[in-house]
């Protein structure tokens, strides 16, 4: 009867399953994935016929499914079965396992691995790329699933450049040294404080994907104070997409020299001249790794590629706006970051107008770090580009001891801070001359009232939190901002 109703394949399946369940549990666990997959295929064939072959075959189909479930339930080494739904990768749960290892493969790049939980994940998009994904249980010796792939659509192309007003020819880089202030997160409120200090240049962070229209209020508020903005395109703890990198061209279109924002205004001299690409991206704290990890080198390469995307988009829209790139070794003394950057984009020195760096600390700390940045770039044949110190600061609550102060006295008075700031800027300018383009003090005002905290992060301000002066320290800041 089996050969008539169930067919030969159903008969073979039942025999195979019966033999399988006579094995001890250890042998079942070691059953090859090929055999388990064969049983799955045979079960699918039987179940496909169940609807038209009657109740007997339907019962066999249900038994086959239950038996295969029991086989795979105890096998933590079994390979999951992957499938794709839109941009999501899904899989069946294997035994009692909740942790899996996912492999992501992009053409021309090393395979990356990460531990995931559950039974689905939406991987980060890779616009314009086909990415293959593999998966296995996070158990030694487990089998890899058959790969699936997602082809991500290419990012939209930027609209063509309108030609109502011709963009002026690129001007030579301004060799003058500038001093600026880093704004806090309350961008509009901070404008009152930076104006009180007399700042003519303020660094403000905006998420890299922010539409240009959303920068308008901040740019206008600072322009009303006679202040030019250095936008920082931020992407904390991640890498930007191609579309986000290209979005910086819209910032340049609106706020760069000759940009649409400045039309019919008399203060076009305050146009954005530079955009800083990323904040401390070569530091491990945002990403949970260190300079000797593969993820660190991979991040350096991707950073360079996205900077290249941004540069090409900006150059097509408004070539008068430069990009500040990052090759700072984060004071590790390692070349891994700069090696990765130049390996990915060998001509990156032609694509930046300066190198951003945050050399906190005393001279013994900042001097070698800044020297290495310039020397390592030159050794790779990069065009000479100046250093932009986009953050440097001293933490002081007028002698009260704080948690730390980047190698400085953590119990520093306002008077001592004034002397240290003045001497540091003088030393940096004397050593680097025209190779030093700018120095930004971090930051405009304290984040806490005097005595409210012992955290160094709360007392880097040039003023107290209520915008009152820090005595001689605030006086030195004003003098530097005034160019004296």
Foldseek 3Di string as FASTA:
>chain_A
DCCPQQNPLLVVLVVVLVVLVVDPLVVLLVPDLVVLVVSVVSLVVLCVCDVPRDDVSVVSSVVSVVSSCVSQQSHLQEAWAWDDDAQKIFTDDTRPFFKKKKWKDWPPDDIDIDIDGDGMDRDDDAAQTKIKMWMHTPDPNHDIYDIDIDGHHHDDDDDAADDPDDFDDADPDDLDEAEAFEADPVLLVSLVLRLVLVFQEYEYEDALQDALVVCLVSQVSNVVSNHAYAYEHEDFLDFDHLVSLLNVLRNCQQFAQVHPVCPPHPNSVSGAQEYEYYDPQLDCPRHVDHLVDPVSLVSLLRSLVSLVSNLVSNCSHHNRHFYAAEQQNVQPPDNSNVVSNCVNPVAVLVRGQAYEDAQEADCVRRVVRVVCVQVVCVVSVHDQHAYADQEYFFFELAQCAAPDTRHDGRRDGLVRRQVRVVVVVVVVCVVQPSSHHYHYYYHAEFQDARPPHRHSNRGRHCDYPVSHHSPSSSVSSSVVSVVD
